[in-house]
Every structure is written in structure tokens, then in C-alpha cells.
Amino acid sequence: MTEPQETVETRGDDRVDLLAADTDGDGRPDVWVADTDGDGKADLFQFDTDHDGKVDITMTDLDEDGTPDAVVDGDGGHPPTV
């Protein structure tokens, strides 16, 4: 059984993945960048830090100033679509 994860607030309810990158060369994405409010700017950032294919850290930038407003363990209630 997995531990319940904290749900992080985002700017909107829609998720459009702007980027999914494989930074370690294992063939699976380990960085996801998404826009949740439809303005084309990234406001949700997720990272797989242990290379298991699952999100380990989620950060949101609610005012889109480049500084994270919230950082949580896991996918923050927003699993990647790619």
C-alpha cells in the first residue's frame, strides 16, 4: 500500500504538458513541465529523482515569477500525461 500524497494547488484545472524530458538517458521521462491555466507559461514542474519512472517531487509557481510557491513529495495529485 502506498502512502497518501499531498495535493498541491495549481493555477488552473487543465494540464498541458509543455515538456517531458529524459535527462538520464534511460528512455523514460524524468522531468515534466506543464501549464495548468492555458496561458502557455509553465507553472507545474515535476521530477523523478530516483529513476523509477514515477514523480518524486512536484513544484508549483502560482504567480509565475520563477520562484516555487509549493514543493511536495510525489505527484501532488497531478500525474503526468506522458
PDB file of N, CA and C in Angstrom:
ATOM      1  N   MET A   1       0.839  -1.181   0.000  1.00  0.00           N
ATOM      2  CA  MET A   1       0.000   0.000   0.000  1.00  0.00           C
ATOM      3  C   MET A   1       0.882   1.241   0.000  1.00  0.00           C
ATOM      4  N   THR A   2       0.503   2.227  -0.841  1.00  0.00           N
ATOM      5  CA  THR A   2       1.294   3.450  -0.913  1.00  0.00           C
ATOM      6  C   THR A   2       0.747   4.491   0.053  1.00  0.00           C
ATOM      7  N   GLU A   3       1.619   5.403   0.440  1.00  0.00           N
ATOM      8  CA  GLU A   3       1.242   6.483   1.339  1.00  0.00           C
ATOM      9  C   GLU A   3       0.393   7.500   0.588  1.00  0.00           C
ATOM     10  N   PRO A   4      -0.611   8.083   1.244  1.00  0.00           N
ATOM     11  CA  PRO A   4      -1.369   9.154   0.593  1.00  0.00           C
ATOM     12  C   PRO A   4      -0.440  10.330   0.310  1.00  0.00           C
ATOM     13  N   GLN A   5      -0.686  10.991  -0.808  1.00  0.00           N
ATOM     14  CA  GLN A   5       0.150  12.115  -1.188  1.00  0.00           C
ATOM     15  C   GLN A   5      -0.602  13.422  -1.007  1.00  0.00           C
ATOM     16  N   GLU A   6       0.144  14.458  -0.713  1.00  0.00           N
ATOM     17  CA  GLU A   6      -0.427  15.790  -0.594  1.00  0.00           C
ATOM     18  C   GLU A   6      -0.816  16.300  -1.978  1.00  0.00           C
ATOM     19  N   THR A   7      -1.978  16.940  -2.070  1.00  0.00           N
ATOM     20  CA  THR A   7      -2.406  17.548  -3.326  1.00  0.00           C
ATOM     21  C   THR A   7      -1.977  19.001  -3.314  1.00  0.00           C
ATOM     22  N   VAL A   8      -1.310  19.410  -4.383  1.00  0.00           N
ATOM     23  CA  VAL A   8      -0.792  20.766  -4.486  1.00  0.00           C
ATOM     24  C   VAL A   8      -1.742  21.601  -5.352  1.00  0.00           C
ATOM     25  N   GLU A   9      -1.919  22.865  -4.969  1.00  0.00           N
ATOM     26  CA  GLU A   9      -2.760  23.792  -5.724  1.00  0.00           C
ATOM     27  C   GLU A   9      -2.034  24.222  -6.993  1.00  0.00           C
ATOM     28  N   THR A  10      -2.769  24.293  -8.104  1.00  0.00           N
ATOM     29  CA  THR A  10      -2.220  24.796  -9.359  1.00  0.00           C
ATOM     30  C   THR A  10      -3.026  26.011  -9.794  1.00  0.00           C
ATOM     31  N   ARG A  11      -2.555  26.704 -10.818  1.00  0.00           N
ATOM     32  CA  ARG A  11      -3.227  27.920 -11.296  1.00  0.00           C
ATOM     33  C   ARG A  11      -4.564  27.612 -11.957  1.00  0.00           C
ATOM     34  N   GLY A  12      -4.691  26.440 -12.555  1.00  0.00           N
ATOM     35  CA  GLY A  12      -5.923  26.068 -13.244  1.00  0.00           C
ATOM     36  C   GLY A  12      -6.181  24.587 -13.119  1.00  0.00           C
ATOM     37  N   ASP A  13      -7.220  24.123 -13.800  1.00  0.00           N
ATOM     38  CA  ASP A  13      -7.607  22.719 -13.730  1.00  0.00           C
ATOM     39  C   ASP A  13      -7.164  21.899 -14.930  1.00  0.00           C
ATOM     40  N   ASP A  14      -6.714  22.557 -15.987  1.00  0.00           N
ATOM     41  CA  ASP A  14      -6.275  21.838 -17.182  1.00  0.00           C
ATOM     42  C   ASP A  14      -4.775  21.654 -17.133  1.00  0.00           C
ATOM     43  N   ARG A  15      -4.330  20.504 -17.624  1.00  0.00           N
ATOM     44  CA  ARG A  15      -2.889  20.244 -17.670  1.00  0.00           C
ATOM     45  C   ARG A  15      -2.484  20.052 -19.120  1.00  0.00           C
ATOM     46  N   VAL A  16      -1.572  20.890 -19.574  1.00  0.00           N
ATOM     47  CA  VAL A  16      -0.971  20.742 -20.894  1.00  0.00           C
ATOM     48  C   VAL A  16       0.520  20.581 -20.664  1.00  0.00           C
ATOM     49  N   ASP A  17       1.034  19.392 -20.959  1.00  0.00           N
ATOM     50  CA  ASP A  17       2.462  19.155 -20.777  1.00  0.00           C
ATOM     51  C   ASP A  17       3.232  19.906 -21.851  1.00  0.00           C
ATOM     52  N   LEU A  18       4.092  20.805 -21.433  1.00  0.00           N
ATOM     53  CA  LEU A  18       4.920  21.587 -22.338  1.00  0.00           C
ATOM     54  C   LEU A  18       6.225  20.877 -22.662  1.00  0.00           C
ATOM     55  N   LEU A  19       6.686  20.038 -21.720  1.00  0.00           N
ATOM     56  CA  LEU A  19       7.961  19.361 -21.872  1.00  0.00           C
ATOM     57  C   LEU A  19       7.965  18.095 -21.040  1.00  0.00           C
ATOM     58  N   ALA A  20       8.454  17.033 -21.620  1.00  0.00           N
ATOM     59  CA  ALA A  20       8.761  15.808 -20.884  1.00  0.00           C
ATOM     60  C   ALA A  20      10.138  15.392 -21.388  1.00  0.00           C
ATOM     61  N   ALA A  21      11.105  15.331 -20.499  1.00  0.00           N
ATOM     62  CA  ALA A  21      12.483  15.083 -20.917  1.00  0.00           C
ATOM     63  C   ALA A  21      13.090  13.897 -20.187  1.00  0.00           C
ATOM     64  N   ASP A  22      13.916  13.165 -20.928  1.00  0.00           N
ATOM     65  CA  ASP A  22      14.704  12.066 -20.369  1.00  0.00           C
ATOM     66  C   ASP A  22      16.109  12.603 -20.162  1.00  0.00           C
ATOM     67  N   THR A  23      16.414  13.023 -18.948  1.00  0.00           N
ATOM     68  CA  THR A  23      17.714  13.646 -18.689  1.00  0.00           C
ATOM     69  C   THR A  23      18.808  12.661 -18.321  1.00  0.00           C
ATOM     70  N   ASP A  24      18.415  11.402 -18.022  1.00  0.00           N
ATOM     71  CA  ASP A  24      19.431  10.425 -17.634  1.00  0.00           C
ATOM     72  C   ASP A  24      19.654   9.343 -18.693  1.00  0.00           C
ATOM     73  N   GLY A  25      18.954   9.430 -19.826  1.00  0.00           N
ATOM     74  CA  GLY A  25      19.186   8.522 -20.940  1.00  0.00           C
ATOM     75  C   GLY A  25      18.639   7.125 -20.778  1.00  0.00           C
ATOM     76  N   ASP A  26      17.676   6.908 -19.860  1.00  0.00           N
ATOM     77  CA  ASP A  26      17.139   5.560 -19.666  1.00  0.00           C
ATOM     78  C   ASP A  26      15.901   5.280 -20.518  1.00  0.00           C
ATOM     79  N   GLY A  27      15.491   6.250 -21.344  1.00  0.00           N
ATOM     80  CA  GLY A  27      14.350   6.064 -22.228  1.00  0.00           C
ATOM     81  C   GLY A  27      13.014   6.439 -21.624  1.00  0.00           C
ATOM     82  N   ARG A  28      13.003   6.899 -20.372  1.00  0.00           N
ATOM     83  CA  ARG A  28      11.763   7.318 -19.706  1.00  0.00           C
ATOM     84  C   ARG A  28      11.888   8.770 -19.274  1.00  0.00           C
ATOM     85  N   PRO A  29      10.788   9.544 -19.362  1.00  0.00           N
ATOM     86  CA  PRO A  29      10.852  10.923 -18.881  1.00  0.00           C
ATOM     87  C   PRO A  29      11.159  10.973 -17.393  1.00  0.00           C
ATOM     88  N   ASP A  30      11.927  11.971 -16.994  1.00  0.00           N
ATOM     89  CA  ASP A  30      12.181  12.180 -15.573  1.00  0.00           C
ATOM     90  C   ASP A  30      12.034  13.647 -15.178  1.00  0.00           C
ATOM     91  N   VAL A  31      11.649  14.478 -16.134  1.00  0.00           N
ATOM     92  CA  VAL A  31      11.315  15.872 -15.872  1.00  0.00           C
ATOM     93  C   VAL A  31      10.062  16.194 -16.689  1.00  0.00           C
ATOM     94  N   TRP A  32       9.065  16.785 -16.023  1.00  0.00           N
ATOM     95  CA  TRP A  32       7.836  17.204 -16.687  1.00  0.00           C
ATOM     96  C   TRP A  32       7.584  18.656 -16.346  1.00  0.00           C
ATOM     97  N   VAL A  33       7.219  19.442 -17.355  1.00  0.00           N
ATOM     98  CA  VAL A  33       6.887  20.849 -17.162  1.00  0.00           C
ATOM     99  C   VAL A  33       5.521  21.062 -17.805  1.00  0.00           C
ATOM    100  N   ALA A  34       4.575  21.633 -17.044  1.00  0.00           N
ATOM    101  CA  ALA A  34       3.212  21.767 -17.533  1.00  0.00           C
ATOM    102  C   ALA A  34       2.644  23.158 -17.287  1.00  0.00           C
ATOM    103  N   ASP A  35       1.648  23.494 -18.115  1.00  0.00           N
ATOM    104  CA  ASP A  35       0.843  24.701 -17.966  1.00  0.00           C
ATOM    105  C   ASP A  35      -0.539  24.232 -17.523  1.00  0.00           C
ATOM    106  N   THR A  36      -1.046  24.758 -16.424  1.00  0.00           N
ATOM    107  CA  THR A  36      -2.346  24.307 -15.919  1.00  0.00           C
ATOM    108  C   THR A  36      -3.462  25.323 -16.120  1.00  0.00           C
ATOM    109  N   ASP A  37      -3.129  26.528 -16.602  1.00  0.00           N
ATOM    110  CA  ASP A  37      -4.171  27.544 -16.746  1.00  0.00           C
ATOM    111  C   ASP A  37      -4.356  28.045 -18.172  1.00  0.00           C
ATOM    112  N   GLY A  38      -3.658  27.444 -19.138  1.00  0.00           N
ATOM    113  CA  GLY A  38      -3.870  27.757 -20.544  1.00  0.00           C
ATOM    114  C   GLY A  38      -3.205  29.013 -21.061  1.00  0.00           C
ATOM    115  N   ASP A  39      -2.287  29.608 -20.291  1.00  0.00           N
ATOM    116  CA  ASP A  39      -1.630  30.824 -20.770  1.00  0.00           C
ATOM    117  C   ASP A  39      -0.318  30.545 -21.506  1.00  0.00           C
ATOM    118  N   GLY A  40       0.045  29.266 -21.618  1.00  0.00           N
ATOM    119  CA  GLY A  40       1.261  28.892 -22.331  1.00  0.00           C
ATOM    120  C   GLY A  40       2.537  28.987 -21.516  1.00  0.00           C
ATOM    121  N   LYS A  41       2.415  29.400 -20.247  1.00  0.00           N
ATOM    122  CA  LYS A  41       3.582  29.526 -19.372  1.00  0.00           C
ATOM    123  C   LYS A  41       3.602  28.371 -18.372  1.00  0.00           C
ATOM    124  N   ALA A  42       4.788  27.864 -18.107  1.00  0.00           N
ATOM    125  CA  ALA A  42       4.938  26.753 -17.169  1.00  0.00           C
ATOM    126  C   ALA A  42       4.608  27.190 -15.747  1.00  0.00           C
ATOM    127  N   ASP A  43       3.814  26.372 -15.049  1.00  0.00           N
ATOM    128  CA  ASP A  43       3.520  26.647 -13.649  1.00  0.00           C
ATOM    129  C   ASP A  43       3.519  25.385 -12.794  1.00  0.00           C
ATOM    130  N   LEU A  44       3.783  24.237 -13.397  1.00  0.00           N
ATOM    131  CA  LEU A  44       3.861  22.965 -12.677  1.00  0.00           C
ATOM    132  C   LEU A  44       5.115  22.230 -13.142  1.00  0.00           C
ATOM    133  N   PHE A  45       5.970  21.859 -12.200  1.00  0.00           N
ATOM    134  CA  PHE A  45       7.253  21.223 -12.505  1.00  0.00           C
ATOM    135  C   PHE A  45       7.356  19.944 -11.687  1.00  0.00           C
ATOM    136  N   GLN A  46       7.697  18.824 -12.347  1.00  0.00           N
ATOM    137  CA  GLN A  46       7.772  17.540 -11.646  1.00  0.00           C
ATOM    138  C   GLN A  46       9.058  16.806 -12.027  1.00  0.00           C
ATOM    139  N   PHE A  47       9.579  16.065 -11.047  1.00  0.00           N
ATOM    140  CA  PHE A  47      10.877  15.416 -11.225  1.00  0.00           C
ATOM    141  C   PHE A  47      10.862  13.993 -10.684  1.00  0.00           C
ATOM    142  N   ASP A  48      11.454  13.072 -11.438  1.00  0.00           N
ATOM    143  CA  ASP A  48      11.702  11.706 -10.983  1.00  0.00           C
ATOM    144  C   ASP A  48      13.167  11.660 -10.573  1.00  0.00           C
ATOM    145  N   THR A  49      13.420  11.668  -9.276  1.00  0.00           N
ATOM    146  CA  THR A  49      14.797  11.750  -8.791  1.00  0.00           C
ATOM    147  C   THR A  49      15.454  10.397  -8.541  1.00  0.00           C
ATOM    148  N   ASP A  50      14.659   9.321  -8.495  1.00  0.00           N
ATOM    149  CA  ASP A  50      15.248   8.007  -8.219  1.00  0.00           C
ATOM    150  C   ASP A  50      15.161   7.046  -9.411  1.00  0.00           C
ATOM    151  N   HIS A  51      14.790   7.583 -10.577  1.00  0.00           N
ATOM    152  CA  HIS A  51      14.820   6.847 -11.845  1.00  0.00           C
ATOM    153  C   HIS A  51      13.899   5.635 -11.887  1.00  0.00           C
ATOM    154  N   ASP A  52      12.728   5.711 -11.200  1.00  0.00           N
ATOM    155  CA  ASP A  52      11.783   4.602 -11.243  1.00  0.00           C
ATOM    156  C   ASP A  52      10.600   4.875 -12.171  1.00  0.00           C
ATOM    157  N   GLY A  53      10.606   6.027 -12.853  1.00  0.00           N
ATOM    158  CA  GLY A  53       9.541   6.376 -13.780  1.00  0.00           C
ATOM    159  C   GLY A  53       8.355   7.076 -13.135  1.00  0.00           C
ATOM    160  N   LYS A  54       8.426   7.337 -11.829  1.00  0.00           N
ATOM    161  CA  LYS A  54       7.337   7.992 -11.113  1.00  0.00           C
ATOM    162  C   LYS A  54       7.812   9.329 -10.552  1.00  0.00           C
ATOM    163  N   VAL A  55       6.881  10.282 -10.454  1.00  0.00           N
ATOM    164  CA  VAL A  55       7.202  11.611  -9.935  1.00  0.00           C
ATOM    165  C   VAL A  55       7.546  11.527  -8.452  1.00  0.00           C
ATOM    166  N   ASP A  56       8.687  12.103  -8.078  1.00  0.00           N
ATOM    167  CA  ASP A  56       9.122  12.138  -6.680  1.00  0.00           C
ATOM    168  C   ASP A  56       8.936  13.518  -6.050  1.00  0.00           C
ATOM    169  N   ILE A  57       9.055  14.571  -6.850  1.00  0.00           N
ATOM    170  CA  ILE A  57       8.943  15.938  -6.340  1.00  0.00           C
ATOM    171  C   ILE A  57       8.084  16.753  -7.306  1.00  0.00           C
ATOM    172  N   THR A  58       7.153  17.522  -6.753  1.00  0.00           N
ATOM    173  CA  THR A  58       6.322  18.432  -7.549  1.00  0.00           C
ATOM    174  C   THR A  58       6.474  19.843  -6.993  1.00  0.00           C
ATOM    175  N   MET A  59       6.646  20.801  -7.905  1.00  0.00           N
ATOM    176  CA  MET A  59       6.735  22.216  -7.528  1.00  0.00           C
ATOM    177  C   MET A  59       5.723  22.998  -8.358  1.00  0.00           C
ATOM    178  N   THR A  60       5.085  23.995  -7.740  1.00  0.00           N
ATOM    179  CA  THR A  60       4.202  24.890  -8.473  1.00  0.00           C
ATOM    180  C   THR A  60       4.702  26.322  -8.338  1.00  0.00           C
ATOM    181  N   ASP A  61       4.439  27.093  -9.367  1.00  0.00           N
ATOM    182  CA  ASP A  61       4.774  28.511  -9.387  1.00  0.00           C
ATOM    183  C   ASP A  61       3.474  29.265  -9.668  1.00  0.00           C
ATOM    184  N   LEU A  62       2.696  29.523  -8.625  1.00  0.00           N
ATOM    185  CA  LEU A  62       1.356  30.075  -8.776  1.00  0.00           C
ATOM    186  C   LEU A  62       1.323  31.474  -9.371  1.00  0.00           C
ATOM    187  N   ASP A  63       2.336  32.288  -9.105  1.00  0.00           N
ATOM    188  CA  ASP A  63       2.345  33.639  -9.669  1.00  0.00           C
ATOM    189  C   ASP A  63       3.288  33.756 -10.871  1.00  0.00           C
ATOM    190  N   GLU A  64       3.846  32.632 -11.299  1.00  0.00           N
ATOM    191  CA  GLU A  64       4.727  32.544 -12.473  1.00  0.00           C
ATOM    192  C   GLU A  64       5.862  33.565 -12.440  1.00  0.00           C
ATOM    193  N   ASP A  65       6.460  33.720 -11.246  1.00  0.00           N
ATOM    194  CA  ASP A  65       7.588  34.642 -11.118  1.00  0.00           C
ATOM    195  C   ASP A  65       8.934  33.931 -11.125  1.00  0.00           C
ATOM    196  N   GLY A  66       8.916  32.607 -11.320  1.00  0.00           N
ATOM    197  CA  GLY A  66      10.157  31.847 -11.367  1.00  0.00           C
ATOM    198  C   GLY A  66      10.591  31.268 -10.035  1.00  0.00           C
ATOM    199  N   THR A  67       9.850  31.556  -8.974  1.00  0.00           N
ATOM    200  CA  THR A  67      10.150  31.040  -7.648  1.00  0.00           C
ATOM    201  C   THR A  67       9.046  30.083  -7.221  1.00  0.00           C
ATOM    202  N   PRO A  68       9.391  28.852  -6.823  1.00  0.00           N
ATOM    203  CA  PRO A  68       8.355  27.898  -6.423  1.00  0.00           C
ATOM    204  C   PRO A  68       7.532  28.401  -5.235  1.00  0.00           C
ATOM    205  N   ASP A  69       6.215  28.235  -5.325  1.00  0.00           N
ATOM    206  CA  ASP A  69       5.319  28.605  -4.231  1.00  0.00           C
ATOM    207  C   ASP A  69       5.002  27.415  -3.344  1.00  0.00           C
ATOM    208  N   ALA A  70       5.108  26.213  -3.892  1.00  0.00           N
ATOM    209  CA  ALA A  70       4.858  24.993  -3.114  1.00  0.00           C
ATOM    210  C   ALA A  70       5.740  23.880  -3.657  1.00  0.00           C
ATOM    211  N   VAL A  71       6.265  23.071  -2.759  1.00  0.00           N
ATOM    212  CA  VAL A  71       7.063  21.905  -3.111  1.00  0.00           C
ATOM    213  C   VAL A  71       6.544  20.755  -2.258  1.00  0.00           C
ATOM    214  N   VAL A  72       6.158  19.648  -2.919  1.00  0.00           N
ATOM    215  CA  VAL A  72       5.624  18.493  -2.198  1.00  0.00           C
ATOM    216  C   VAL A  72       6.269  17.212  -2.712  1.00  0.00           C
ATOM    217  N   ASP A  73       6.236  16.189  -1.887  1.00  0.00           N
ATOM    218  CA  ASP A  73       6.677  14.865  -2.308  1.00  0.00           C
ATOM    219  C   ASP A  73       5.606  14.248  -3.195  1.00  0.00           C
ATOM    220  N   GLY A  74       6.022  13.487  -4.201  1.00  0.00           N
ATOM    221  CA  GLY A  74       5.092  12.785  -5.076  1.00  0.00           C
ATOM    222  C   GLY A  74       4.556  13.677  -6.177  1.00  0.00           C
ATOM    223  N   ASP A  75       3.472  13.206  -6.831  1.00  0.00           N
ATOM    224  CA  ASP A  75       2.936  13.926  -7.990  1.00  0.00           C
ATOM    225  C   ASP A  75       2.000  15.062  -7.614  1.00  0.00           C
ATOM    226  N   GLY A  76       1.779  15.292  -6.339  1.00  0.00           N
ATOM    227  CA  GLY A  76       0.950  16.402  -5.895  1.00  0.00           C
ATOM    228  C   GLY A  76      -0.489  16.312  -6.352  1.00  0.00           C
ATOM    229  N   GLY A  77      -0.929  15.108  -6.716  1.00  0.00           N
ATOM    230  CA  GLY A  77      -2.286  14.944  -7.228  1.00  0.00           C
ATOM    231  C   GLY A  77      -2.436  15.243  -8.693  1.00  0.00           C
ATOM    232  N   HIS A  78      -1.303  15.411  -9.387  1.00  0.00           N
ATOM    233  CA  HIS A  78      -1.312  15.769 -10.807  1.00  0.00           C
ATOM    234  C   HIS A  78      -0.352  14.864 -11.582  1.00  0.00           C
ATOM    235  N   PRO A  79      -0.733  13.611 -11.814  1.00  0.00           N
ATOM    236  CA  PRO A  79       0.179  12.708 -12.526  1.00  0.00           C
ATOM    237  C   PRO A  79       0.427  13.171 -13.967  1.00  0.00           C
ATOM    238  N   PRO A  80       1.636  12.996 -14.471  1.00  0.00           N
ATOM    239  CA  PRO A  80       1.950  13.376 -15.843  1.00  0.00           C
ATOM    240  C   PRO A  80       1.127  12.576 -16.849  1.00  0.00           C
ATOM    241  N   THR A  81       0.878  13.169 -18.002  1.00  0.00           N
ATOM    242  CA  THR A  81       0.121  12.502 -19.055  1.00  0.00           C
ATOM    243  C   THR A  81       1.036  11.820 -20.064  1.00  0.00           C
ATOM    244  N   VAL A  82       2.313  12.116 -20.025  1.00  0.00           N
ATOM    245  CA  VAL A  82       3.288  11.468 -20.942  1.00  0.00           C
ATOM    246  C   VAL A  82       4.372  10.777 -20.155  1.00  0.00           C
TER     247      VAL A  82
END
